[in-house]
């Protein structure tokens, strides 16, 4: 698996459609793009490919369970933060922490 490296970052590129990356991010040429076809199942399958060399290997089923729990909590988190966007820093960070806790419990 190829990874794009900068001095401080490693990134993975996920895209819903093949070849769209070339149109929008030509500076990432040479980076492997994982095509998920716009579905959660497709994204989870591609995540297993992208992180194939990591110590912890969650299954697609495990990711779906975690995703379901996050999705159930999201409306309350957004209400509490006074926003309609899950991408606001507070909401996103809370989701990240919750995902980590859920993952720690369910992924060996």
N, C-alpha and C. Protein backbone atom coordinates (compact mmCIF):
# COMPACT_ATOMS: atom_id res chain seq x y z
N UNK A 1 0.84 -1.17 0.00
CA UNK A 1 0.00 0.00 0.00
C UNK A 1 0.89 1.23 0.00
N UNK A 2 0.62 2.11 -0.90
CA UNK A 2 1.36 3.37 -0.94
C UNK A 2 0.68 4.38 -0.03
N UNK A 3 1.47 5.17 0.62
CA UNK A 3 0.95 6.26 1.43
C UNK A 3 1.64 7.53 0.99
N UNK A 4 0.88 8.60 0.96
CA UNK A 4 1.47 9.89 0.63
C UNK A 4 2.03 10.48 1.91
N UNK A 5 3.28 10.89 1.87
CA UNK A 5 3.92 11.42 3.07
C UNK A 5 4.32 12.88 2.87
N UNK A 6 4.07 13.67 3.87
CA UNK A 6 4.64 14.99 3.97
C UNK A 6 5.53 14.94 5.19
N UNK A 7 6.04 16.04 5.60
CA UNK A 7 6.91 16.04 6.77
C UNK A 7 6.20 15.59 8.04
N UNK A 8 4.92 15.93 8.18
CA UNK A 8 4.22 15.64 9.42
C UNK A 8 2.97 14.79 9.24
N UNK A 9 2.56 14.51 8.03
CA UNK A 9 1.27 13.87 7.83
C UNK A 9 1.36 12.66 6.91
N UNK A 10 0.51 11.70 7.18
CA UNK A 10 0.22 10.61 6.26
C UNK A 10 -1.25 10.73 5.95
N UNK A 11 -1.63 10.62 4.69
CA UNK A 11 -3.05 10.72 4.39
C UNK A 11 -3.48 9.59 3.50
N UNK A 12 -4.76 9.31 3.57
CA UNK A 12 -5.43 8.35 2.71
C UNK A 12 -6.50 9.13 1.97
N UNK A 13 -6.76 8.76 0.74
CA UNK A 13 -7.77 9.46 -0.05
C UNK A 13 -8.91 8.49 -0.33
N UNK A 14 -10.12 8.90 0.04
CA UNK A 14 -11.32 8.13 -0.23
C UNK A 14 -12.21 8.98 -1.12
N UNK A 15 -12.79 8.36 -2.13
CA UNK A 15 -13.60 9.11 -3.09
C UNK A 15 -14.78 8.24 -3.49
N UNK A 16 -15.90 8.88 -3.77
CA UNK A 16 -17.11 8.15 -4.16
C UNK A 16 -17.05 7.67 -5.61
N UNK A 17 -16.33 8.38 -6.46
CA UNK A 17 -16.29 8.03 -7.87
C UNK A 17 -14.84 7.93 -8.34
N UNK A 18 -14.59 6.93 -9.18
CA UNK A 18 -13.25 6.75 -9.73
C UNK A 18 -12.89 7.95 -10.61
N UNK A 19 -11.65 8.31 -10.61
CA UNK A 19 -11.06 9.34 -11.46
C UNK A 19 -11.46 10.77 -11.11
N UNK A 20 -12.36 10.98 -10.16
CA UNK A 20 -12.71 12.35 -9.78
C UNK A 20 -11.53 13.01 -9.08
N UNK A 21 -10.71 12.22 -8.43
CA UNK A 21 -9.56 12.78 -7.72
C UNK A 21 -8.64 13.53 -8.68
N UNK A 22 -8.48 13.00 -9.88
CA UNK A 22 -7.60 13.65 -10.84
C UNK A 22 -8.11 15.04 -11.20
N UNK A 23 -9.42 15.20 -11.21
CA UNK A 23 -10.01 16.49 -11.55
C UNK A 23 -9.84 17.51 -10.44
N UNK A 24 -9.97 17.06 -9.20
CA UNK A 24 -10.00 18.02 -8.09
C UNK A 24 -8.70 18.13 -7.30
N UNK A 25 -7.89 17.12 -7.33
CA UNK A 25 -6.67 17.13 -6.51
C UNK A 25 -5.47 16.62 -7.28
N UNK A 26 -5.14 17.28 -8.35
CA UNK A 26 -4.06 16.79 -9.21
C UNK A 26 -2.73 16.71 -8.48
N UNK A 27 -2.57 17.45 -7.39
CA UNK A 27 -1.30 17.41 -6.66
C UNK A 27 -1.12 16.11 -5.88
N UNK A 28 -2.15 15.29 -5.80
CA UNK A 28 -2.03 14.01 -5.10
C UNK A 28 -1.78 12.86 -6.07
N UNK A 29 -1.44 13.16 -7.31
CA UNK A 29 -1.14 12.09 -8.25
C UNK A 29 -0.10 11.15 -7.65
N UNK A 30 -0.29 9.88 -7.81
CA UNK A 30 0.62 8.90 -7.23
C UNK A 30 0.13 8.37 -5.89
N UNK A 31 -0.90 8.97 -5.33
CA UNK A 31 -1.48 8.48 -4.09
C UNK A 31 -2.57 7.48 -4.44
N UNK A 32 -2.58 6.34 -3.77
CA UNK A 32 -3.65 5.37 -3.99
C UNK A 32 -4.98 5.97 -3.54
N UNK A 33 -5.98 5.82 -4.37
CA UNK A 33 -7.32 6.31 -4.05
C UNK A 33 -8.21 5.09 -3.82
N UNK A 34 -8.93 5.10 -2.74
CA UNK A 34 -9.82 4.00 -2.39
C UNK A 34 -11.24 4.42 -2.76
N UNK A 35 -11.82 3.76 -3.74
CA UNK A 35 -13.13 4.14 -4.28
C UNK A 35 -14.22 3.41 -3.50
N UNK A 36 -15.04 4.17 -2.78
CA UNK A 36 -16.07 3.56 -1.93
C UNK A 36 -17.46 3.60 -2.54
N UNK A 37 -17.61 4.22 -3.68
CA UNK A 37 -18.86 4.28 -4.43
C UNK A 37 -20.01 4.94 -3.66
N UNK A 38 -19.68 5.77 -2.69
CA UNK A 38 -20.69 6.58 -2.01
C UNK A 38 -21.52 5.88 -0.96
N UNK A 39 -21.13 4.69 -0.55
CA UNK A 39 -21.92 3.99 0.47
C UNK A 39 -21.08 3.76 1.73
N UNK A 40 -21.77 3.65 2.85
CA UNK A 40 -21.07 3.36 4.11
C UNK A 40 -20.37 2.00 4.02
N UNK A 41 -21.06 0.99 3.49
CA UNK A 41 -20.43 -0.33 3.37
C UNK A 41 -19.19 -0.27 2.49
N UNK A 42 -19.29 0.47 1.40
CA UNK A 42 -18.13 0.61 0.52
C UNK A 42 -16.98 1.31 1.22
N UNK A 43 -17.30 2.36 1.99
CA UNK A 43 -16.27 3.07 2.73
C UNK A 43 -15.61 2.15 3.75
N UNK A 44 -16.41 1.39 4.50
CA UNK A 44 -15.85 0.50 5.51
C UNK A 44 -14.96 -0.56 4.86
N UNK A 45 -15.38 -1.10 3.73
CA UNK A 45 -14.56 -2.09 3.03
C UNK A 45 -13.23 -1.48 2.60
N UNK A 46 -13.26 -0.25 2.09
CA UNK A 46 -12.02 0.40 1.67
C UNK A 46 -11.15 0.79 2.86
N UNK A 47 -11.76 1.12 3.98
CA UNK A 47 -10.97 1.38 5.19
C UNK A 47 -10.19 0.15 5.61
N UNK A 48 -10.80 -1.04 5.47
CA UNK A 48 -10.06 -2.26 5.82
C UNK A 48 -8.86 -2.44 4.90
N UNK A 49 -8.97 -2.01 3.66
CA UNK A 49 -7.84 -2.07 2.74
C UNK A 49 -6.78 -1.03 3.08
N UNK A 50 -7.20 0.18 3.37
CA UNK A 50 -6.25 1.26 3.66
C UNK A 50 -5.45 0.99 4.92
N UNK A 51 -6.08 0.39 5.90
CA UNK A 51 -5.41 0.16 7.18
C UNK A 51 -5.03 -1.30 7.37
N UNK A 52 -4.75 -1.99 6.26
CA UNK A 52 -4.43 -3.42 6.32
C UNK A 52 -3.18 -3.72 7.14
N UNK A 53 -2.30 -2.77 7.28
CA UNK A 53 -1.05 -3.02 8.00
C UNK A 53 -1.06 -2.50 9.43
N UNK A 54 -2.20 -2.11 9.92
CA UNK A 54 -2.27 -1.62 11.29
C UNK A 54 -2.46 -2.77 12.27
N UNK A 55 -2.13 -2.52 13.52
CA UNK A 55 -2.22 -3.55 14.55
C UNK A 55 -3.67 -4.01 14.74
N UNK A 56 -4.57 -3.07 14.89
CA UNK A 56 -5.97 -3.41 15.10
C UNK A 56 -6.67 -3.50 13.75
N UNK A 57 -7.45 -4.54 13.57
CA UNK A 57 -8.11 -4.79 12.29
C UNK A 57 -9.62 -4.93 12.48
N UNK A 58 -10.35 -3.82 12.58
CA UNK A 58 -11.80 -3.94 12.72
C UNK A 58 -12.42 -4.52 11.46
N UNK A 59 -13.45 -5.31 11.66
CA UNK A 59 -14.19 -5.85 10.52
C UNK A 59 -15.21 -4.82 10.04
N UNK A 60 -15.73 -5.04 8.85
CA UNK A 60 -16.79 -4.17 8.34
C UNK A 60 -17.97 -4.21 9.30
N UNK A 61 -18.29 -5.38 9.81
CA UNK A 61 -19.41 -5.51 10.77
C UNK A 61 -19.16 -4.66 12.01
N UNK A 62 -17.96 -4.72 12.56
CA UNK A 62 -17.64 -3.92 13.74
C UNK A 62 -17.75 -2.42 13.44
N UNK A 63 -17.27 -2.01 12.27
CA UNK A 63 -17.37 -0.60 11.90
C UNK A 63 -18.83 -0.17 11.75
N UNK A 64 -19.67 -1.05 11.21
CA UNK A 64 -21.09 -0.73 11.06
C UNK A 64 -21.75 -0.54 12.43
N UNK A 65 -21.39 -1.36 13.39
CA UNK A 65 -21.95 -1.24 14.74
C UNK A 65 -21.54 0.09 15.36
N UNK A 66 -20.26 0.42 15.25
CA UNK A 66 -19.77 1.69 15.79
C UNK A 66 -20.44 2.87 15.08
N UNK A 67 -20.55 2.79 13.77
CA UNK A 67 -21.21 3.84 12.99
C UNK A 67 -22.65 4.04 13.45
N UNK A 68 -23.36 2.93 13.68
CA UNK A 68 -24.75 3.02 14.14
C UNK A 68 -24.85 3.74 15.48
N UNK A 69 -23.94 3.43 16.39
CA UNK A 69 -23.94 4.10 17.70
C UNK A 69 -23.63 5.59 17.56
N UNK A 70 -22.67 5.92 16.71
CA UNK A 70 -22.34 7.33 16.48
C UNK A 70 -23.51 8.08 15.87
N UNK A 71 -24.13 7.45 14.92
CA UNK A 71 -25.26 8.07 14.24
C UNK A 71 -26.42 8.32 15.20
N UNK A 72 -26.63 7.39 16.13
CA UNK A 72 -27.70 7.55 17.12
C UNK A 72 -27.42 8.73 18.06
N UNK A 73 -26.15 8.97 18.37
CA UNK A 73 -25.78 10.05 19.29
C UNK A 73 -25.68 11.42 18.62
N UNK A 74 -25.52 11.42 17.31
CA UNK A 74 -25.25 12.67 16.60
C UNK A 74 -26.29 13.77 16.81
N UNK A 75 -27.59 13.50 16.71
CA UNK A 75 -28.55 14.60 16.90
C UNK A 75 -28.41 15.28 18.27
N UNK A 76 -28.23 14.50 19.31
CA UNK A 76 -28.06 15.07 20.66
C UNK A 76 -26.78 15.89 20.73
N UNK A 77 -25.69 15.39 20.17
CA UNK A 77 -24.43 16.12 20.19
C UNK A 77 -24.56 17.47 19.47
N UNK A 78 -25.24 17.47 18.34
CA UNK A 78 -25.41 18.72 17.59
C UNK A 78 -26.33 19.68 18.35
N UNK A 79 -27.39 19.16 18.95
CA UNK A 79 -28.27 20.02 19.77
C UNK A 79 -27.49 20.64 20.91
N UNK A 80 -26.72 19.80 21.63
CA UNK A 80 -25.94 20.29 22.78
C UNK A 80 -24.93 21.36 22.37
N UNK A 81 -24.39 21.23 21.15
CA UNK A 81 -23.40 22.19 20.67
C UNK A 81 -24.05 23.38 19.97
N UNK A 82 -25.37 23.34 19.79
CA UNK A 82 -26.06 24.45 19.14
C UNK A 82 -25.73 24.59 17.67
N UNK A 83 -25.56 23.47 16.99
CA UNK A 83 -25.20 23.51 15.57
C UNK A 83 -26.00 22.47 14.80
N UNK A 84 -26.05 22.64 13.50
CA UNK A 84 -26.69 21.66 12.63
C UNK A 84 -25.65 20.90 11.81
N UNK A 85 -24.39 21.15 12.09
CA UNK A 85 -23.31 20.52 11.32
C UNK A 85 -22.50 19.56 12.20
N UNK A 86 -22.30 18.33 11.72
CA UNK A 86 -21.44 17.41 12.47
C UNK A 86 -19.96 17.74 12.32
N UNK A 87 -19.64 18.70 11.46
CA UNK A 87 -18.24 19.03 11.20
C UNK A 87 -17.72 20.20 12.03
N UNK A 88 -18.54 20.75 12.90
CA UNK A 88 -18.05 21.77 13.83
C UNK A 88 -17.09 21.10 14.80
N UNK A 89 -16.08 21.82 15.23
CA UNK A 89 -14.99 21.22 16.01
C UNK A 89 -15.47 20.46 17.24
N UNK A 90 -16.38 21.05 18.00
CA UNK A 90 -16.82 20.39 19.23
C UNK A 90 -17.52 19.07 18.93
N UNK A 91 -18.45 19.08 17.99
CA UNK A 91 -19.21 17.88 17.64
C UNK A 91 -18.27 16.82 17.07
N UNK A 92 -17.43 17.22 16.15
CA UNK A 92 -16.53 16.28 15.50
C UNK A 92 -15.58 15.63 16.51
N UNK A 93 -15.05 16.44 17.42
CA UNK A 93 -14.13 15.90 18.42
C UNK A 93 -14.85 14.95 19.38
N UNK A 94 -16.08 15.29 19.76
CA UNK A 94 -16.85 14.39 20.63
C UNK A 94 -17.14 13.08 19.92
N UNK A 95 -17.48 13.15 18.64
CA UNK A 95 -17.68 11.92 17.85
C UNK A 95 -16.41 11.09 17.79
N UNK A 96 -15.29 11.76 17.59
CA UNK A 96 -14.00 11.06 17.54
C UNK A 96 -13.72 10.33 18.84
N UNK A 97 -13.94 11.00 19.96
CA UNK A 97 -13.70 10.38 21.26
C UNK A 97 -14.65 9.22 21.51
N UNK A 98 -15.92 9.39 21.15
CA UNK A 98 -16.89 8.32 21.31
C UNK A 98 -16.52 7.12 20.43
N UNK A 99 -16.13 7.38 19.20
CA UNK A 99 -15.71 6.30 18.30
C UNK A 99 -14.52 5.55 18.88
N UNK A 100 -13.58 6.28 19.46
CA UNK A 100 -12.41 5.64 20.06
C UNK A 100 -12.82 4.73 21.22
N UNK A 101 -13.71 5.22 22.09
CA UNK A 101 -14.17 4.40 23.22
C UNK A 101 -14.89 3.15 22.73
N UNK A 102 -15.78 3.32 21.76
CA UNK A 102 -16.51 2.17 21.22
C UNK A 102 -15.56 1.18 20.57
N UNK A 103 -14.59 1.69 19.84
CA UNK A 103 -13.60 0.83 19.19
C UNK A 103 -12.76 0.09 20.22
N UNK A 104 -12.36 0.78 21.27
CA UNK A 104 -11.55 0.14 22.31
C UNK A 104 -12.30 -1.03 22.95
N UNK A 105 -13.61 -0.91 23.05
CA UNK A 105 -14.42 -1.97 23.65
C UNK A 105 -14.68 -3.14 22.71
N UNK A 106 -14.77 -2.86 21.41
CA UNK A 106 -15.25 -3.90 20.50
C UNK A 106 -14.23 -4.44 19.50
N UNK A 107 -13.09 -3.78 19.37
CA UNK A 107 -12.09 -4.23 18.39
C UNK A 107 -10.83 -4.65 19.12
N UNK A 108 -10.49 -5.94 19.03
CA UNK A 108 -9.28 -6.41 19.74
C UNK A 108 -8.00 -5.81 19.21
